[in-house]
Amino acid sequence: MIPTKEEILETHERIKPFIHNTPIMKSSFINSYLGCEILFKCENFQKVGAFKFRGASNTVLSLTKEELKNGVATHSSGNHAAAISLAAKMMNSKAYIVMPHTAPVIKRKAVEGYGAEIIFSEPTLEDREKHLNHVVERTNAVFVHPFNNYKVIAGQATCAKEIFDEYSDLDFILTPVGGGGLLSGTSLSAKYFSPGTKVIGCEPAGADDAFRSIRDNKIYPSVNPKTIADGLLTSLGEKTFAIIKENVSRIFIVQEESIISAMRLIWERMKIIVEPSAAVPLAVIIENKDFFANKKIAIILSGGNVDVENLPF
């Protein structure tokens, strides 16, 4: 069932002892440069360096001792992999992670550091799922989907809830969209806790499957996405699609140059490290200044796991 208001409140209480209530930061330079007021919710400071720990911890904490006995399994190119690995370790359980062999080295190292077993696959959804099925057959581990899972969505919803706990007068809240776990969770939190706030999804033009899916009312698979935002390469699931279609105001797409500019702006002006995926919402504001002029906006900086040996600028 789609998470209710009560369920998001319960989820927040369940995971509070394990997650960080991440800071909300501002930049007067960025505000004056873009002509609006932006609040940056810094999930790059979350455990494992990404919002994904919210959904992963909620799901793993919701499992019974019997279910945890055989461990948990997932497929992920990075942040969800690390999040599940840490959540399993926290509960003295085992994690099995199917990762594409193209996954960034920093993300592979994080998963290994949390003690998970990595199984490498080709960078296609089909091959990921094939390897995952083998793992589940071999181990009887519980599969935790990276986004198409209501427990995960409820966990991700707690991020926006923390924003609305502090600010109730926002015009917009922006998040990146890959599989849609963060965007769908954010849209539910806005609906329940700040109904006057419009929710906007932000996506690279080179991986615009969510934009096309919502536009045409059918889920398009993500085929050969081309973007530096490596956290946004997956397509929507049927659960996230339904929630987004119902509750998200619109999805903007942006060019790669704007993503790089936005990422650099955050690094240089705010002195914080964000990965390309996290810079996509700011890129949307850069490309659509008139639309956002004089508005009060929250952006979720989704993560900070970036390979500093291979920066795009």
C-alpha atoms as a PDB file:
ATOM      1  CA  MET A   1       0.000   0.000   0.000  1.00  0.00           C
ATOM      2  CA  ILE A   2       1.133   3.556  -0.768  1.00  0.00           C
ATOM      3  CA  PRO A   3       2.615   4.984   2.453  1.00  0.00           C
ATOM      4  CA  THR A   4       0.111   7.018   4.482  1.00  0.00           C
ATOM      5  CA  LYS A   5       0.857  10.116   6.559  1.00  0.00           C
ATOM      6  CA  GLU A   6       0.860   7.938   9.707  1.00  0.00           C
ATOM      7  CA  GLU A   7       3.255   5.472   8.110  1.00  0.00           C
ATOM      8  CA  ILE A   8       5.751   8.211   7.210  1.00  0.00           C
ATOM      9  CA  LEU A   9       5.568   9.530  10.791  1.00  0.00           C
ATOM     10  CA  GLU A  10       6.135   5.990  12.160  1.00  0.00           C
ATOM     11  CA  THR A  11       8.980   5.424   9.697  1.00  0.00           C
ATOM     12  CA  HIS A  12      10.694   8.620  10.835  1.00  0.00           C
ATOM     13  CA  GLU A  13      10.485   7.525  14.484  1.00  0.00           C
ATOM     14  CA  ARG A  14      11.820   4.064  13.578  1.00  0.00           C
ATOM     15  CA  ILE A  15      14.889   5.298  11.708  1.00  0.00           C
ATOM     16  CA  LYS A  16      15.655   8.462  13.728  1.00  0.00           C
ATOM     17  CA  PRO A  17      18.160   6.732  16.054  1.00  0.00           C
ATOM     18  CA  PHE A  18      20.133   5.455  13.046  1.00  0.00           C
ATOM     19  CA  ILE A  19      20.118   8.321  10.511  1.00  0.00           C
ATOM     20  CA  HIS A  20      21.400  11.896  10.542  1.00  0.00           C
ATOM     21  CA  ASN A  21      18.895  14.747  10.520  1.00  0.00           C
ATOM     22  CA  THR A  22      20.975  16.482   7.865  1.00  0.00           C
ATOM     23  CA  PRO A  23      21.533  20.247   7.865  1.00  0.00           C
ATOM     24  CA  ILE A  24      19.684  22.717   5.650  1.00  0.00           C
ATOM     25  CA  MET A  25      22.124  25.238   4.189  1.00  0.00           C
ATOM     26  CA  LYS A  26      21.825  28.486   2.223  1.00  0.00           C
ATOM     27  CA  SER A  27      24.110  30.475  -0.052  1.00  0.00           C
ATOM     28  CA  SER A  28      23.486  34.205  -0.323  1.00  0.00           C
ATOM     29  CA  PHE A  29      25.622  34.287  -3.484  1.00  0.00           C
ATOM     30  CA  ILE A  30      23.592  31.553  -5.219  1.00  0.00           C
ATOM     31  CA  ASN A  31      20.337  33.204  -4.110  1.00  0.00           C
ATOM     32  CA  SER A  32      21.304  36.590  -5.570  1.00  0.00           C
ATOM     33  CA  TYR A  33      22.784  34.968  -8.695  1.00  0.00           C
ATOM     34  CA  LEU A  34      19.579  33.058  -9.435  1.00  0.00           C
ATOM     35  CA  GLY A  35      17.053  35.552  -8.038  1.00  0.00           C
ATOM     36  CA  CYS A  36      15.275  33.183  -5.653  1.00  0.00           C
ATOM     37  CA  GLU A  37      15.658  31.763  -2.146  1.00  0.00           C
ATOM     38  CA  ILE A  38      17.046  28.221  -2.063  1.00  0.00           C
ATOM     39  CA  LEU A  39      17.313  25.885   0.911  1.00  0.00           C
ATOM     40  CA  PHE A  40      19.740  23.001   0.340  1.00  0.00           C
ATOM     41  CA  LYS A  41      18.903  19.832   2.313  1.00  0.00           C
ATOM     42  CA  CYS A  42      22.332  18.238   2.574  1.00  0.00           C
ATOM     43  CA  GLU A  43      21.852  14.489   2.203  1.00  0.00           C
ATOM     44  CA  ASN A  44      25.469  14.379   1.048  1.00  0.00           C
ATOM     45  CA  PHE A  45      26.077  14.437   4.831  1.00  0.00           C
ATOM     46  CA  GLN A  46      23.778  11.466   5.430  1.00  0.00           C
ATOM     47  CA  LYS A  47      25.295   8.116   6.467  1.00  0.00           C
ATOM     48  CA  VAL A  48      26.837   6.434   3.380  1.00  0.00           C
ATOM     49  CA  GLY A  49      26.846   9.926   1.855  1.00  0.00           C
ATOM     50  CA  ALA A  50      23.355   9.731   0.370  1.00  0.00           C
ATOM     51  CA  PHE A  51      19.610   9.870   1.122  1.00  0.00           C
ATOM     52  CA  LYS A  52      19.432   6.152   0.244  1.00  0.00           C
ATOM     53  CA  PHE A  53      20.268   5.199   3.830  1.00  0.00           C
ATOM     54  CA  ARG A  54      16.790   6.347   4.913  1.00  0.00           C
ATOM     55  CA  GLY A  55      14.933   3.848   2.739  1.00  0.00           C
ATOM     56  CA  ALA A  56      17.461   1.067   3.264  1.00  0.00           C
ATOM     57  CA  SER A  57      17.451   1.365   7.056  1.00  0.00           C
ATOM     58  CA  ASN A  58      13.642   1.508   7.195  1.00  0.00           C
ATOM     59  CA  THR A  59      13.347  -1.655   5.105  1.00  0.00           C
ATOM     60  CA  VAL A  60      15.986  -3.627   6.993  1.00  0.00           C
ATOM     61  CA  LEU A  61      14.681  -2.485  10.414  1.00  0.00           C
ATOM     62  CA  SER A  62      11.204  -3.669   9.358  1.00  0.00           C
ATOM     63  CA  LEU A  63      12.369  -7.250   8.690  1.00  0.00           C
ATOM     64  CA  THR A  64      11.889 -10.026  11.268  1.00  0.00           C
ATOM     65  CA  LYS A  65      14.823 -11.875  12.859  1.00  0.00           C
ATOM     66  CA  GLU A  66      13.824 -14.897  10.778  1.00  0.00           C
ATOM     67  CA  GLU A  67      13.964 -12.863   7.563  1.00  0.00           C
ATOM     68  CA  LEU A  68      17.298 -11.292   8.486  1.00  0.00           C
ATOM     69  CA  LYS A  69      18.850 -14.711   9.151  1.00  0.00           C
ATOM     70  CA  ASN A  70      19.646 -15.276   5.449  1.00  0.00           C
ATOM     71  CA  GLY A  71      20.654 -11.692   4.776  1.00  0.00           C
ATOM     72  CA  VAL A  72      19.455  -9.099   2.282  1.00  0.00           C
ATOM     73  CA  ALA A  73      20.228  -8.723  -1.407  1.00  0.00           C
ATOM     74  CA  THR A  74      19.915  -5.986  -3.997  1.00  0.00           C
ATOM     75  CA  HIS A  75      21.235  -4.702  -7.291  1.00  0.00           C
ATOM     76  CA  SER A  76      22.635  -1.176  -7.411  1.00  0.00           C
ATOM     77  CA  SER A  77      25.409   0.812  -9.027  1.00  0.00           C
ATOM     78  CA  GLY A  78      26.236   2.674  -5.880  1.00  0.00           C
ATOM     79  CA  ASN A  79      24.457   4.528  -3.101  1.00  0.00           C
ATOM     80  CA  HIS A  80      21.632   2.032  -2.470  1.00  0.00           C
ATOM     81  CA  ALA A  81      24.267  -0.729  -2.452  1.00  0.00           C
ATOM     82  CA  ALA A  82      26.240   1.044   0.279  1.00  0.00           C
ATOM     83  CA  ALA A  83      23.051   1.868   2.196  1.00  0.00           C
ATOM     84  CA  ILE A  84      21.830  -1.744   2.244  1.00  0.00           C
ATOM     85  CA  SER A  85      25.316  -2.945   3.170  1.00  0.00           C
ATOM     86  CA  LEU A  86      25.503  -0.630   6.189  1.00  0.00           C
ATOM     87  CA  ALA A  87      21.897  -1.293   7.248  1.00  0.00           C
ATOM     88  CA  ALA A  88      22.555  -5.064   7.166  1.00  0.00           C
ATOM     89  CA  LYS A  89      25.800  -4.681   9.107  1.00  0.00           C
ATOM     90  CA  MET A  90      23.937  -2.578  11.696  1.00  0.00           C
ATOM     91  CA  MET A  91      21.517  -5.502  12.222  1.00  0.00           C
ATOM     92  CA  ASN A  92      24.276  -8.158  12.216  1.00  0.00           C
ATOM     93  CA  SER A  93      22.998  -9.522   8.924  1.00  0.00           C
ATOM     94  CA  LYS A  94      24.727 -10.253   5.609  1.00  0.00           C
ATOM     95  CA  ALA A  95      24.335  -8.190   2.420  1.00  0.00           C
ATOM     96  CA  TYR A  96      24.735  -9.494  -1.145  1.00  0.00           C
ATOM     97  CA  ILE A  97      25.122  -6.741  -3.721  1.00  0.00           C
ATOM     98  CA  VAL A  98      24.930  -7.146  -7.490  1.00  0.00           C
ATOM     99  CA  MET A  99      26.866  -4.234  -9.013  1.00  0.00           C
ATOM    100  CA  PRO A 100      27.651  -3.445 -12.651  1.00  0.00           C
ATOM    101  CA  HIS A 101      31.394  -3.748 -13.257  1.00  0.00           C
ATOM    102  CA  THR A 102      31.250  -0.113 -14.473  1.00  0.00           C
ATOM    103  CA  ALA A 103      30.209   1.212 -11.026  1.00  0.00           C
ATOM    104  CA  PRO A 104      32.434   4.050  -9.710  1.00  0.00           C
ATOM    105  CA  VAL A 105      35.402   2.765  -7.696  1.00  0.00           C
ATOM    106  CA  ILE A 106      34.494   4.950  -4.681  1.00  0.00           C
ATOM    107  CA  LYS A 107      31.074   3.260  -4.499  1.00  0.00           C
ATOM    108  CA  ARG A 108      32.534  -0.244  -4.832  1.00  0.00           C
ATOM    109  CA  LYS A 109      35.017   0.488  -2.040  1.00  0.00           C
ATOM    110  CA  ALA A 110      32.222   1.719   0.243  1.00  0.00           C
ATOM    111  CA  VAL A 111      30.221  -1.481  -0.258  1.00  0.00           C
ATOM    112  CA  GLU A 112      33.282  -3.642   0.438  1.00  0.00           C
ATOM    113  CA  GLY A 113      34.053  -1.520   3.511  1.00  0.00           C
ATOM    114  CA  TYR A 114      30.664  -2.357   5.017  1.00  0.00           C
ATOM    115  CA  GLY A 115      31.404  -6.067   4.644  1.00  0.00           C
ATOM    116  CA  ALA A 116      28.996  -6.933   1.843  1.00  0.00           C
ATOM    117  CA  GLU A 117      29.625  -9.590  -0.792  1.00  0.00           C
ATOM    118  CA  ILE A 118      29.766  -8.044  -4.286  1.00  0.00           C
ATOM    119  CA  ILE A 119      28.664  -9.956  -7.381  1.00  0.00           C
ATOM    120  CA  PHE A 120      29.567  -8.128 -10.594  1.00  0.00           C
ATOM    121  CA  SER A 121      27.242  -7.924 -13.598  1.00  0.00           C
ATOM    122  CA  GLU A 122      27.029  -6.237 -16.975  1.00  0.00           C
ATOM    123  CA  PRO A 123      25.632  -2.660 -16.797  1.00  0.00           C
ATOM    124  CA  THR A 124      22.169  -3.674 -18.004  1.00  0.00           C
ATOM    125  CA  LEU A 125      19.042  -4.141 -15.909  1.00  0.00           C
ATOM    126  CA  GLU A 126      18.494  -7.571 -17.469  1.00  0.00           C
ATOM    127  CA  ASP A 127      21.915  -8.843 -16.397  1.00  0.00           C
ATOM    128  CA  ARG A 128      21.634  -7.260 -12.934  1.00  0.00           C
ATOM    129  CA  GLU A 129      18.306  -9.016 -12.358  1.00  0.00           C
ATOM    130  CA  LYS A 130      19.629 -12.339 -13.658  1.00  0.00           C
ATOM    131  CA  HIS A 131      22.552 -12.253 -11.208  1.00  0.00           C
ATOM    132  CA  LEU A 132      20.267 -11.116  -8.388  1.00  0.00           C
ATOM    133  CA  ASN A 133      17.901 -14.063  -8.980  1.00  0.00           C
ATOM    134  CA  HIS A 134      20.874 -16.440  -8.756  1.00  0.00           C
ATOM    135  CA  VAL A 135      21.970 -14.838  -5.472  1.00  0.00           C
ATOM    136  CA  VAL A 136      18.482 -15.095  -3.949  1.00  0.00           C
ATOM    137  CA  GLU A 137      18.178 -18.755  -5.036  1.00  0.00           C
ATOM    138  CA  ARG A 138      21.605 -19.540  -3.543  1.00  0.00           C
ATOM    139  CA  THR A 139      21.189 -17.677  -0.237  1.00  0.00           C
ATOM    140  CA  ASN A 140      17.421 -17.173   0.403  1.00  0.00           C
ATOM    141  CA  ALA A 141      18.285 -13.533   1.144  1.00  0.00           C
ATOM    142  CA  VAL A 142      15.453 -10.975   1.153  1.00  0.00           C
ATOM    143  CA  PHE A 143      15.502  -8.808  -1.972  1.00  0.00           C
ATOM    144  CA  VAL A 144      15.280  -5.079  -1.223  1.00  0.00           C
ATOM    145  CA  HIS A 145      14.455  -3.192  -4.419  1.00  0.00           C
ATOM    146  CA  PRO A 146      16.358   0.104  -4.736  1.00  0.00           C
ATOM    147  CA  PHE A 147      13.164   2.167  -5.248  1.00  0.00           C
ATOM    148  CA  ASN A 148      10.107   0.106  -6.245  1.00  0.00           C
ATOM    149  CA  ASN A 149       9.318  -0.785  -2.635  1.00  0.00           C
ATOM    150  CA  TYR A 150       6.900   1.038  -0.325  1.00  0.00           C
ATOM    151  CA  LYS A 151       9.164   0.674   2.747  1.00  0.00           C
ATOM    152  CA  VAL A 152      12.001   2.283   0.777  1.00  0.00           C
ATOM    153  CA  ILE A 153       9.695   5.065  -0.482  1.00  0.00           C
ATOM    154  CA  ALA A 154       8.463   5.750   3.089  1.00  0.00           C
ATOM    155  CA  GLY A 155      12.077   6.019   4.247  1.00  0.00           C
ATOM    156  CA  GLN A 156      12.990   8.456   1.465  1.00  0.00           C
ATOM    157  CA  ALA A 157       9.878  10.526   2.347  1.00  0.00           C
ATOM    158  CA  THR A 158      11.393  11.356   5.746  1.00  0.00           C
ATOM    159  CA  CYS A 159      13.942  13.657   4.107  1.00  0.00           C
ATOM    160  CA  ALA A 160      11.292  16.115   2.879  1.00  0.00           C
ATOM    161  CA  LYS A 161       9.398  15.679   6.160  1.00  0.00           C
ATOM    162  CA  GLU A 162      12.448  17.064   7.998  1.00  0.00           C
ATOM    163  CA  ILE A 163      12.414  20.085   5.668  1.00  0.00           C
ATOM    164  CA  PHE A 164       8.693  20.687   6.283  1.00  0.00           C
ATOM    165  CA  ASP A 165       9.275  20.370  10.048  1.00  0.00           C
ATOM    166  CA  GLU A 166      11.364  23.573   9.733  1.00  0.00           C
ATOM    167  CA  TYR A 167       9.804  25.389   6.754  1.00  0.00           C
ATOM    168  CA  SER A 168       6.103  25.368   5.914  1.00  0.00           C
ATOM    169  CA  ASP A 169       5.993  28.185   3.347  1.00  0.00           C
ATOM    170  CA  LEU A 170       7.900  26.703   0.383  1.00  0.00           C
ATOM    171  CA  ASP A 171       6.733  27.322  -3.178  1.00  0.00           C
ATOM    172  CA  PHE A 172       8.667  24.359  -4.618  1.00  0.00           C
ATOM    173  CA  ILE A 173      10.686  21.331  -3.571  1.00  0.00           C
ATOM    174  CA  LEU A 174      13.035  19.832  -6.178  1.00  0.00           C
ATOM    175  CA  THR A 175      14.675  16.413  -6.262  1.00  0.00           C
ATOM    176  CA  PRO A 176      16.589  14.436  -8.873  1.00  0.00           C
ATOM    177  CA  VAL A 177      14.755  11.464 -10.408  1.00  0.00           C
ATOM    178  CA  GLY A 178      16.232   8.119 -11.442  1.00  0.00           C
ATOM    179  CA  GLY A 179      14.099   5.227 -10.255  1.00  0.00           C
ATOM    180  CA  GLY A 180      11.825   7.685  -8.469  1.00  0.00           C
ATOM    181  CA  GLY A 181      12.114   6.582  -4.828  1.00  0.00           C
ATOM    182  CA  LEU A 182      13.176  10.016  -3.567  1.00  0.00           C
ATOM    183  CA  LEU A 183      10.800  11.935  -5.843  1.00  0.00           C
ATOM    184  CA  SER A 184       7.774   9.786  -4.996  1.00  0.00           C
ATOM    185  CA  GLY A 185       8.548   9.876  -1.256  1.00  0.00           C
ATOM    186  CA  THR A 186       9.052  13.649  -1.392  1.00  0.00           C
ATOM    187  CA  SER A 187       5.741  14.113  -3.209  1.00  0.00           C
ATOM    188  CA  LEU A 188       3.909  12.121  -0.501  1.00  0.00           C
ATOM    189  CA  SER A 189       5.516  14.215   2.253  1.00  0.00           C
ATOM    190  CA  ALA A 190       4.501  17.418   0.463  1.00  0.00           C
ATOM    191  CA  LYS A 191       0.941  16.129   0.056  1.00  0.00           C
ATOM    192  CA  TYR A 192       0.651  15.273   3.779  1.00  0.00           C
ATOM    193  CA  PHE A 193       2.763  17.965   5.466  1.00  0.00           C
ATOM    194  CA  SER A 194       2.902  20.946   3.064  1.00  0.00           C
ATOM    195  CA  PRO A 195       0.096  20.723   0.494  1.00  0.00           C
ATOM    196  CA  GLY A 196       0.832  24.217  -0.846  1.00  0.00           C
ATOM    197  CA  THR A 197       4.331  23.184  -1.980  1.00  0.00           C
ATOM    198  CA  LYS A 198       4.688  22.013  -5.591  1.00  0.00           C
ATOM    199  CA  VAL A 199       7.025  19.075  -6.194  1.00  0.00           C
ATOM    200  CA  ILE A 200       9.313  19.049  -9.234  1.00  0.00           C
ATOM    201  CA  GLY A 201      11.413  16.181 -10.572  1.00  0.00           C
ATOM    202  CA  CYS A 202      14.762  16.964 -12.218  1.00  0.00           C
ATOM    203  CA  GLU A 203      16.379  14.745 -14.825  1.00  0.00           C
ATOM    204  CA  PRO A 204      19.308  14.855 -17.283  1.00  0.00           C
ATOM    205  CA  ALA A 205      18.265  15.215 -20.935  1.00  0.00           C
ATOM    206  CA  GLY A 206      20.505  12.235 -21.717  1.00  0.00           C
ATOM    207  CA  ALA A 207      18.474  10.020 -19.351  1.00  0.00           C
ATOM    208  CA  ASP A 208      14.984  11.484 -19.737  1.00  0.00           C
ATOM    209  CA  ASP A 209      12.911   8.305 -19.362  1.00  0.00           C
ATOM    210  CA  ALA A 210      10.917   9.616 -16.362  1.00  0.00           C
ATOM    211  CA  PHE A 211      10.038  12.825 -18.243  1.00  0.00           C
ATOM    212  CA  ARG A 212       8.788  10.791 -21.231  1.00  0.00           C
ATOM    213  CA  SER A 213       7.058   8.214 -19.019  1.00  0.00           C
ATOM    214  CA  ILE A 214       4.952  10.833 -17.216  1.00  0.00           C
ATOM    215  CA  ARG A 215       4.285  12.754 -20.450  1.00  0.00           C
ATOM    216  CA  ASP A 216       3.056   9.669 -22.326  1.00  0.00           C
ATOM    217  CA  ASN A 217       1.508   7.857 -19.334  1.00  0.00           C
ATOM    218  CA  LYS A 218       3.563   4.683 -19.763  1.00  0.00           C
ATOM    219  CA  ILE A 219       6.862   3.544 -18.275  1.00  0.00           C
ATOM    220  CA  TYR A 220       9.764   3.786 -20.702  1.00  0.00           C
ATOM    221  CA  PRO A 221      12.828   1.713 -19.872  1.00  0.00           C
ATOM    222  CA  SER A 222      16.095   3.603 -19.527  1.00  0.00           C
ATOM    223  CA  VAL A 223      17.980   2.575 -22.692  1.00  0.00           C
ATOM    224  CA  ASN A 224      21.635   3.620 -23.096  1.00  0.00           C
ATOM    225  CA  PRO A 225      21.379   6.706 -20.857  1.00  0.00           C
ATOM    226  CA  LYS A 226      24.197   9.170 -21.459  1.00  0.00           C
ATOM    227  CA  THR A 227      24.886  11.441 -18.497  1.00  0.00           C
ATOM    228  CA  ILE A 228      27.541  12.116 -15.857  1.00  0.00           C
ATOM    229  CA  ALA A 229      24.735  11.795 -13.263  1.00  0.00           C
ATOM    230  CA  ASP A 230      25.485   8.120 -12.624  1.00  0.00           C
ATOM    231  CA  GLY A 231      22.873   7.891  -9.850  1.00  0.00           C
ATOM    232  CA  LEU A 232      20.027   8.601 -12.303  1.00  0.00           C
ATOM    233  CA  LEU A 233      20.432   5.824 -14.866  1.00  0.00           C
ATOM    234  CA  THR A 234      17.468   3.629 -13.879  1.00  0.00           C
ATOM    235  CA  SER A 235      13.876   3.821 -15.096  1.00  0.00           C
ATOM    236  CA  LEU A 236      10.778   4.277 -12.919  1.00  0.00           C
ATOM    237  CA  GLY A 237       9.081   1.301 -11.278  1.00  0.00           C
ATOM    238  CA  GLU A 238       5.309   0.840 -11.350  1.00  0.00           C
ATOM    239  CA  LYS A 239       4.998   1.932  -7.689  1.00  0.00           C
ATOM    240  CA  THR A 240       7.065   5.109  -8.086  1.00  0.00           C
ATOM    241  CA  PHE A 241       5.446   5.886 -11.458  1.00  0.00           C
ATOM    242  CA  ALA A 242       1.924   5.808  -9.984  1.00  0.00           C
ATOM    243  CA  ILE A 243       2.841   8.080  -7.046  1.00  0.00           C
ATOM    244  CA  ILE A 244       4.759  10.554  -9.234  1.00  0.00           C
ATOM    245  CA  LYS A 245       1.991  10.714 -11.840  1.00  0.00           C
ATOM    246  CA  GLU A 246      -0.504  11.571  -9.107  1.00  0.00           C
ATOM    247  CA  ASN A 247       1.517  13.999  -6.967  1.00  0.00           C
ATOM    248  CA  VAL A 248       4.375  15.615  -8.903  1.00  0.00           C
ATOM    249  CA  SER A 249       3.734  18.976 -10.559  1.00  0.00           C
ATOM    250  CA  ARG A 250       6.156  18.427 -13.475  1.00  0.00           C
ATOM    251  CA  ILE A 251       9.545  17.045 -14.505  1.00  0.00           C
ATOM    252  CA  PHE A 252      12.229  19.307 -15.987  1.00  0.00           C
ATOM    253  CA  ILE A 253      15.128  18.014 -18.072  1.00  0.00           C
ATOM    254  CA  VAL A 254      18.547  19.684 -18.205  1.00  0.00           C
ATOM    255  CA  GLN A 255      21.708  19.630 -20.301  1.00  0.00           C
ATOM    256  CA  GLU A 256      25.013  18.135 -19.158  1.00  0.00           C
ATOM    257  CA  GLU A 257      26.800  21.526 -19.225  1.00  0.00           C
ATOM    258  CA  SER A 258      24.279  22.905 -16.728  1.00  0.00           C
ATOM    259  CA  ILE A 259      24.744  19.897 -14.419  1.00  0.00           C
ATOM    260  CA  ILE A 260      28.518  20.468 -14.435  1.00  0.00           C
ATOM    261  CA  SER A 261      28.064  24.223 -13.838  1.00  0.00           C
ATOM    262  CA  ALA A 262      25.664  23.572 -10.953  1.00  0.00           C
ATOM    263  CA  MET A 263      27.984  21.013  -9.373  1.00  0.00           C
ATOM    264  CA  ARG A 264      30.919  23.409  -9.623  1.00  0.00           C
ATOM    265  CA  LEU A 265      28.842  26.265  -8.188  1.00  0.00           C
ATOM    266  CA  ILE A 266      27.953  24.176  -5.118  1.00  0.00           C
ATOM    267  CA  TRP A 267      31.577  23.054  -4.635  1.00  0.00           C
ATOM    268  CA  GLU A 268      33.021  26.562  -5.041  1.00  0.00           C
ATOM    269  CA  ARG A 269      30.411  28.661  -3.256  1.00  0.00           C
ATOM    270  CA  MET A 270      29.162  26.307  -0.523  1.00  0.00           C
ATOM    271  CA  LYS A 271      32.427  24.394  -0.002  1.00  0.00           C
ATOM    272  CA  ILE A 272      30.626  21.057   0.050  1.00  0.00           C
ATOM    273  CA  ILE A 273      31.097  17.957  -2.074  1.00  0.00           C
ATOM    274  CA  VAL A 274      28.118  16.771  -4.101  1.00  0.00           C
ATOM    275  CA  GLU A 275      27.937  14.166  -6.845  1.00  0.00           C
ATOM    276  CA  PRO A 276      26.613  15.077 -10.316  1.00  0.00           C
ATOM    277  CA  SER A 277      23.141  13.604  -9.635  1.00  0.00           C
ATOM    278  CA  ALA A 278      22.724  15.935  -6.641  1.00  0.00           C
ATOM    279  CA  ALA A 279      23.482  18.992  -8.796  1.00  0.00           C
ATOM    280  CA  VAL A 280      20.690  18.280 -11.293  1.00  0.00           C
ATOM    281  CA  PRO A 281      17.966  20.253  -9.408  1.00  0.00           C
ATOM    282  CA  LEU A 282      20.165  23.366  -9.186  1.00  0.00           C
ATOM    283  CA  ALA A 283      20.861  22.941 -12.916  1.00  0.00           C
ATOM    284  CA  VAL A 284      17.082  23.067 -13.475  1.00  0.00           C
ATOM    285  CA  ILE A 285      16.897  26.433 -11.699  1.00  0.00           C
ATOM    286  CA  ILE A 286      19.904  27.733 -13.677  1.00  0.00           C
ATOM    287  CA  GLU A 287      18.180  26.808 -16.955  1.00  0.00           C
ATOM    288  CA  ASN A 288      14.754  28.137 -15.861  1.00  0.00           C
ATOM    289  CA  LYS A 289      15.525  31.312 -13.897  1.00  0.00           C
ATOM    290  CA  ASP A 290      12.308  33.080 -14.899  1.00  0.00           C
ATOM    291  CA  PHE A 291      10.115  30.195 -13.799  1.00  0.00           C
ATOM    292  CA  PHE A 292      11.663  30.179 -10.309  1.00  0.00           C
ATOM    293  CA  ALA A 293      12.225  33.952  -9.909  1.00  0.00           C
ATOM    294  CA  ASN A 294      11.429  35.272  -6.398  1.00  0.00           C
ATOM    295  CA  LYS A 295      10.256  31.829  -5.208  1.00  0.00           C
ATOM    296  CA  LYS A 296      11.214  29.995  -2.011  1.00  0.00           C
ATOM    297  CA  ILE A 297      12.603  26.608  -2.979  1.00  0.00           C
ATOM    298  CA  ALA A 298      14.042  23.538  -1.245  1.00  0.00           C
ATOM    299  CA  ILE A 299      16.486  21.313  -3.096  1.00  0.00           C
ATOM    300  CA  ILE A 300      17.456  17.872  -1.839  1.00  0.00           C
ATOM    301  CA  LEU A 301      21.192  17.402  -2.428  1.00  0.00           C
ATOM    302  CA  SER A 302      20.854  13.659  -2.870  1.00  0.00           C
ATOM    303  CA  GLY A 303      24.441  12.526  -2.309  1.00  0.00           C
ATOM    304  CA  GLY A 304      28.138  13.315  -2.164  1.00  0.00           C
ATOM    305  CA  ASN A 305      29.852  10.167  -3.404  1.00  0.00           C
ATOM    306  CA  VAL A 306      32.021  11.382  -6.231  1.00  0.00           C
ATOM    307  CA  ASP A 307      35.247  10.070  -7.702  1.00  0.00           C
ATOM    308  CA  VAL A 308      37.579  13.001  -7.027  1.00  0.00           C
ATOM    309  CA  GLU A 309      40.119  11.528  -9.469  1.00  0.00           C
ATOM    310  CA  ASN A 310      37.602  12.058 -12.303  1.00  0.00           C
ATOM    311  CA  LEU A 311      35.831  15.359 -11.745  1.00  0.00           C
ATOM    312  CA  PRO A 312      33.867  16.698 -14.730  1.00  0.00           C
ATOM    313  CA  PHE A 313      35.303  20.208 -14.317  1.00  0.00           C
END
